[in-house]
């Protein structure tokens, strides 16, 4: 069993490395900082899954890369297009005539 404080200190030593890795993959410093924080949080919450079969640095880099992918994956799905209601011309819209009264209801 790993001491939590020692593991947290080991993870904290790798934060500059993680920052360099993430900044190489993303465009903004603020996004990079957020991803590094999320990486550290995920590493600390999943410390029991680290099996010491690889270096801690490798495991953290893998988590960071997955967090970058997750950030861009979610960002792609959340893209929105602003509605411009001020340029909407009501006079150009024609009312639709329905052949049956059931459609209108």
N, C-alpha and C. Protein backbone atom coordinates (compact mmCIF):
# COMPACT_ATOMS: atom_id res chain seq x y z
N UNK A 1 0.84 -1.18 0.00
CA UNK A 1 0.00 0.00 0.00
C UNK A 1 0.89 1.24 0.00
N UNK A 2 0.54 2.21 -0.79
CA UNK A 2 1.31 3.43 -0.94
C UNK A 2 0.78 4.48 0.03
N UNK A 3 1.70 5.18 0.67
CA UNK A 3 1.30 6.29 1.53
C UNK A 3 0.74 7.40 0.65
N UNK A 4 -0.42 7.91 0.99
CA UNK A 4 -1.10 8.91 0.15
C UNK A 4 -0.29 10.19 0.04
N UNK A 5 0.32 10.62 1.13
CA UNK A 5 1.09 11.87 1.10
C UNK A 5 2.33 11.73 0.22
N UNK A 6 3.01 10.58 0.32
CA UNK A 6 4.18 10.35 -0.53
C UNK A 6 3.78 10.30 -2.01
N UNK A 7 2.67 9.66 -2.29
CA UNK A 7 2.20 9.58 -3.67
C UNK A 7 1.83 10.97 -4.19
N UNK A 8 1.15 11.76 -3.36
CA UNK A 8 0.79 13.13 -3.76
C UNK A 8 2.03 13.98 -4.00
N UNK A 9 3.05 13.81 -3.17
CA UNK A 9 4.29 14.54 -3.37
C UNK A 9 4.98 14.12 -4.66
N UNK A 10 4.93 12.83 -4.97
CA UNK A 10 5.52 12.34 -6.22
C UNK A 10 4.79 12.90 -7.43
N UNK A 11 3.48 12.95 -7.35
CA UNK A 11 2.69 13.51 -8.45
C UNK A 11 3.00 15.00 -8.60
N UNK A 12 3.10 15.70 -7.49
CA UNK A 12 3.37 17.15 -7.53
C UNK A 12 4.72 17.45 -8.17
N UNK A 13 5.68 16.57 -8.02
CA UNK A 13 6.99 16.77 -8.65
C UNK A 13 6.91 16.74 -10.17
N UNK A 14 5.91 16.08 -10.70
CA UNK A 14 5.77 15.93 -12.16
C UNK A 14 4.87 16.99 -12.80
N UNK A 15 4.37 17.93 -12.02
CA UNK A 15 3.48 18.96 -12.58
C UNK A 15 4.15 19.79 -13.67
N UNK A 16 5.41 20.23 -13.51
CA UNK A 16 6.04 20.98 -14.62
C UNK A 16 6.13 20.15 -15.91
N UNK A 17 6.43 18.86 -15.78
CA UNK A 17 6.47 17.99 -16.95
C UNK A 17 5.09 17.89 -17.60
N UNK A 18 4.07 17.69 -16.77
CA UNK A 18 2.70 17.60 -17.30
C UNK A 18 2.29 18.89 -17.99
N UNK A 19 2.68 20.01 -17.43
CA UNK A 19 2.35 21.30 -18.03
C UNK A 19 2.99 21.42 -19.42
N UNK A 20 4.24 21.00 -19.55
CA UNK A 20 4.90 21.05 -20.87
C UNK A 20 4.21 20.13 -21.87
N UNK A 21 3.84 18.94 -21.43
CA UNK A 21 3.17 17.99 -22.32
C UNK A 21 1.84 18.55 -22.79
N UNK A 22 1.05 19.05 -21.87
CA UNK A 22 -0.29 19.52 -22.22
C UNK A 22 -0.21 20.79 -23.06
N UNK A 23 0.69 21.69 -22.73
CA UNK A 23 0.82 22.92 -23.55
C UNK A 23 1.25 22.61 -24.97
N UNK A 24 1.95 21.52 -25.16
CA UNK A 24 2.31 21.10 -26.51
C UNK A 24 1.13 20.57 -27.30
N UNK A 25 0.07 20.21 -26.60
CA UNK A 25 -1.09 19.62 -27.27
C UNK A 25 -2.28 20.56 -27.40
N UNK A 26 -2.35 21.60 -26.56
CA UNK A 26 -3.49 22.51 -26.61
C UNK A 26 -3.01 23.91 -26.97
N UNK A 27 -3.95 24.78 -27.26
CA UNK A 27 -3.61 26.12 -27.75
C UNK A 27 -3.59 27.19 -26.70
N UNK A 28 -4.28 27.03 -25.60
CA UNK A 28 -4.37 28.10 -24.62
C UNK A 28 -3.76 27.71 -23.29
N UNK A 29 -3.14 28.69 -22.64
CA UNK A 29 -2.53 28.42 -21.33
C UNK A 29 -3.58 28.09 -20.28
N UNK A 30 -4.72 28.77 -20.33
CA UNK A 30 -5.76 28.51 -19.35
C UNK A 30 -6.32 27.10 -19.50
N UNK A 31 -6.52 26.66 -20.72
CA UNK A 31 -6.99 25.30 -20.96
C UNK A 31 -5.95 24.29 -20.48
N UNK A 32 -4.69 24.59 -20.74
CA UNK A 32 -3.61 23.69 -20.31
C UNK A 32 -3.58 23.57 -18.79
N UNK A 33 -3.72 24.68 -18.09
CA UNK A 33 -3.74 24.63 -16.62
C UNK A 33 -4.92 23.82 -16.10
N UNK A 34 -6.06 23.99 -16.72
CA UNK A 34 -7.25 23.23 -16.31
C UNK A 34 -7.04 21.73 -16.52
N UNK A 35 -6.45 21.38 -17.64
CA UNK A 35 -6.23 19.97 -17.95
C UNK A 35 -5.19 19.37 -16.99
N UNK A 36 -4.15 20.13 -16.66
CA UNK A 36 -3.15 19.64 -15.71
C UNK A 36 -3.79 19.43 -14.34
N UNK A 37 -4.63 20.35 -13.92
CA UNK A 37 -5.32 20.18 -12.64
C UNK A 37 -6.22 18.95 -12.66
N UNK A 38 -6.93 18.76 -13.75
CA UNK A 38 -7.80 17.59 -13.88
C UNK A 38 -6.96 16.31 -13.89
N UNK A 39 -5.79 16.35 -14.50
CA UNK A 39 -4.90 15.19 -14.54
C UNK A 39 -4.43 14.83 -13.14
N UNK A 40 -4.00 15.83 -12.38
CA UNK A 40 -3.53 15.59 -11.02
C UNK A 40 -4.67 15.05 -10.16
N UNK A 41 -5.84 15.63 -10.29
CA UNK A 41 -7.00 15.16 -9.53
C UNK A 41 -7.33 13.71 -9.87
N UNK A 42 -7.32 13.40 -11.15
CA UNK A 42 -7.64 12.03 -11.57
C UNK A 42 -6.56 11.05 -11.09
N UNK A 43 -5.31 11.47 -11.12
CA UNK A 43 -4.22 10.60 -10.64
C UNK A 43 -4.34 10.34 -9.14
N UNK A 44 -4.68 11.37 -8.39
CA UNK A 44 -4.80 11.19 -6.94
C UNK A 44 -6.02 10.35 -6.56
N UNK A 45 -7.11 10.52 -7.29
CA UNK A 45 -8.31 9.73 -6.98
C UNK A 45 -8.17 8.28 -7.43
N UNK A 46 -7.30 8.03 -8.40
CA UNK A 46 -7.10 6.67 -8.90
C UNK A 46 -5.73 6.13 -8.52
N UNK A 47 -5.18 6.59 -7.41
CA UNK A 47 -3.85 6.16 -6.98
C UNK A 47 -3.80 4.66 -6.74
N UNK A 48 -4.89 4.09 -6.32
CA UNK A 48 -4.90 2.65 -6.06
C UNK A 48 -4.80 1.82 -7.33
N UNK A 49 -5.03 2.43 -8.48
CA UNK A 49 -4.92 1.71 -9.75
C UNK A 49 -3.51 1.70 -10.32
N UNK A 50 -2.64 2.55 -9.78
CA UNK A 50 -1.25 2.58 -10.25
C UNK A 50 -0.55 1.33 -9.73
N UNK A 51 -0.03 0.51 -10.66
CA UNK A 51 0.49 -0.80 -10.31
C UNK A 51 2.01 -0.85 -10.24
N UNK A 52 2.69 0.24 -10.44
CA UNK A 52 4.15 0.31 -10.39
C UNK A 52 4.81 -0.59 -11.43
N UNK A 53 4.08 -0.92 -12.49
CA UNK A 53 4.66 -1.66 -13.60
C UNK A 53 5.33 -0.72 -14.60
N UNK A 54 4.95 0.54 -14.55
CA UNK A 54 5.58 1.55 -15.40
C UNK A 54 6.00 2.71 -14.50
N UNK A 55 6.68 3.66 -15.10
CA UNK A 55 7.10 4.83 -14.33
C UNK A 55 5.88 5.71 -14.06
N UNK A 56 5.91 6.39 -12.95
CA UNK A 56 4.82 7.30 -12.59
C UNK A 56 4.67 8.39 -13.66
N UNK A 57 5.80 8.83 -14.18
CA UNK A 57 5.79 9.88 -15.21
C UNK A 57 5.02 9.41 -16.46
N UNK A 58 5.21 8.17 -16.84
CA UNK A 58 4.51 7.61 -18.01
C UNK A 58 3.01 7.51 -17.74
N UNK A 59 2.66 7.06 -16.56
CA UNK A 59 1.25 6.93 -16.19
C UNK A 59 0.57 8.30 -16.18
N UNK A 60 1.24 9.31 -15.62
CA UNK A 60 0.67 10.66 -15.58
C UNK A 60 0.54 11.25 -16.98
N UNK A 61 1.53 11.00 -17.84
CA UNK A 61 1.46 11.50 -19.21
C UNK A 61 0.28 10.87 -19.95
N UNK A 62 0.04 9.60 -19.71
CA UNK A 62 -1.10 8.93 -20.34
C UNK A 62 -2.42 9.53 -19.87
N UNK A 63 -2.52 9.79 -18.58
CA UNK A 63 -3.73 10.43 -18.06
C UNK A 63 -3.90 11.81 -18.67
N UNK A 64 -2.82 12.58 -18.77
CA UNK A 64 -2.89 13.93 -19.33
C UNK A 64 -3.35 13.89 -20.79
N UNK A 65 -2.80 12.98 -21.57
CA UNK A 65 -3.19 12.88 -22.98
C UNK A 65 -4.66 12.50 -23.10
N UNK A 66 -5.11 11.59 -22.26
CA UNK A 66 -6.53 11.21 -22.27
C UNK A 66 -7.42 12.38 -21.86
N UNK A 67 -6.96 13.20 -20.92
CA UNK A 67 -7.73 14.38 -20.52
C UNK A 67 -7.82 15.40 -21.65
N UNK A 68 -6.73 15.56 -22.40
CA UNK A 68 -6.76 16.45 -23.57
C UNK A 68 -7.78 15.95 -24.58
N UNK A 69 -7.73 14.66 -24.85
CA UNK A 69 -8.69 14.07 -25.80
C UNK A 69 -10.13 14.27 -25.32
N UNK A 70 -10.34 14.04 -24.03
CA UNK A 70 -11.69 14.20 -23.48
C UNK A 70 -12.16 15.65 -23.57
N UNK A 71 -11.25 16.57 -23.33
CA UNK A 71 -11.61 17.99 -23.41
C UNK A 71 -12.03 18.37 -24.82
N UNK A 72 -11.26 17.94 -25.81
CA UNK A 72 -11.62 18.28 -27.18
C UNK A 72 -12.84 17.50 -27.65
N UNK A 73 -13.01 16.30 -27.18
CA UNK A 73 -14.19 15.51 -27.55
C UNK A 73 -15.46 16.18 -27.03
N UNK A 74 -15.44 16.60 -25.79
CA UNK A 74 -16.60 17.28 -25.21
C UNK A 74 -16.81 18.65 -25.85
N UNK A 75 -15.74 19.34 -26.14
CA UNK A 75 -15.84 20.66 -26.77
C UNK A 75 -16.48 20.60 -28.14
N UNK A 76 -16.18 19.55 -28.87
CA UNK A 76 -16.75 19.40 -30.20
C UNK A 76 -18.26 19.20 -30.10
N UNK A 77 -18.72 18.47 -29.11
CA UNK A 77 -20.15 18.22 -28.96
C UNK A 77 -20.89 19.43 -28.43
N UNK A 78 -20.19 20.32 -27.74
CA UNK A 78 -20.85 21.47 -27.14
C UNK A 78 -20.81 22.71 -28.02
N UNK A 79 -20.33 22.60 -29.21
CA UNK A 79 -20.29 23.77 -30.09
C UNK A 79 -21.70 24.27 -30.35
N UNK A 80 -21.84 25.57 -30.30
CA UNK A 80 -23.15 26.16 -30.53
C UNK A 80 -23.03 27.27 -31.56
N UNK A 81 -24.13 27.57 -32.15
CA UNK A 81 -24.21 28.67 -33.10
C UNK A 81 -25.17 29.69 -32.52
N UNK A 82 -24.70 30.93 -32.33
CA UNK A 82 -25.60 31.92 -31.74
C UNK A 82 -26.75 32.27 -32.68
N UNK A 83 -27.92 32.43 -32.13
CA UNK A 83 -29.09 32.82 -32.91
C UNK A 83 -29.12 34.34 -33.02
N UNK A 84 -29.34 34.80 -34.21
CA UNK A 84 -29.39 36.24 -34.44
C UNK A 84 -30.83 36.61 -34.74
N UNK A 85 -31.58 36.91 -33.72
CA UNK A 85 -33.00 37.19 -33.89
C UNK A 85 -33.25 38.59 -34.42
N UNK A 86 -32.28 39.48 -34.30
CA UNK A 86 -32.52 40.85 -34.76
C UNK A 86 -32.53 40.94 -36.29
N UNK A 87 -31.93 39.98 -36.98
CA UNK A 87 -31.93 40.03 -38.44
C UNK A 87 -33.05 39.18 -39.05
N UNK A 88 -33.92 38.65 -38.21
CA UNK A 88 -35.02 37.82 -38.68
C UNK A 88 -36.12 38.71 -39.24
N UNK A 89 -36.48 38.48 -40.47
CA UNK A 89 -37.48 39.30 -41.15
C UNK A 89 -38.83 38.58 -41.11
N UNK A 90 -39.74 39.09 -40.31
CA UNK A 90 -41.04 38.46 -40.12
C UNK A 90 -41.90 38.60 -41.38
N UNK A 91 -41.75 39.67 -42.10
CA UNK A 91 -42.58 39.90 -43.28
C UNK A 91 -42.30 38.89 -44.39
N UNK A 92 -41.14 38.31 -44.42
CA UNK A 92 -40.80 37.37 -45.48
C UNK A 92 -41.36 35.98 -45.21
N UNK A 93 -41.78 35.71 -44.00
CA UNK A 93 -42.33 34.39 -43.66
C UNK A 93 -43.79 34.31 -44.08
N UNK A 94 -44.11 33.25 -44.72
CA UNK A 94 -45.48 33.04 -45.16
C UNK A 94 -46.11 31.97 -44.29
N UNK A 95 -47.35 32.15 -43.91
CA UNK A 95 -48.01 31.13 -43.11
C UNK A 95 -48.21 29.86 -43.94
N UNK A 96 -48.10 28.74 -43.31
CA UNK A 96 -48.25 27.45 -43.97
C UNK A 96 -49.71 27.05 -43.91
N UNK A 97 -50.22 26.65 -45.06
CA UNK A 97 -51.60 26.21 -45.14
C UNK A 97 -51.63 24.68 -45.04
N UNK A 98 -52.35 24.17 -44.05
CA UNK A 98 -52.47 22.74 -43.87
C UNK A 98 -53.74 22.25 -44.55
N UNK A 99 -53.68 21.08 -45.19
CA UNK A 99 -54.87 20.57 -45.87
C UNK A 99 -55.94 20.07 -44.92
N UNK A 100 -55.58 19.72 -43.72
CA UNK A 100 -56.56 19.18 -42.77
C UNK A 100 -56.46 19.97 -41.46
N UNK A 101 -57.57 20.08 -40.81
CA UNK A 101 -57.59 20.81 -39.54
C UNK A 101 -56.86 20.07 -38.44
N UNK A 102 -56.67 18.77 -38.58
CA UNK A 102 -55.98 18.00 -37.53
C UNK A 102 -54.51 18.40 -37.43
N UNK A 103 -53.91 18.80 -38.54
CA UNK A 103 -52.53 19.23 -38.50
C UNK A 103 -52.38 20.54 -37.74
N UNK A 104 -53.35 21.42 -37.88
CA UNK A 104 -53.30 22.70 -37.19
C UNK A 104 -53.43 22.52 -35.69
N UNK A 105 -54.20 21.53 -35.28
CA UNK A 105 -54.40 21.31 -33.85
C UNK A 105 -53.11 20.77 -33.27
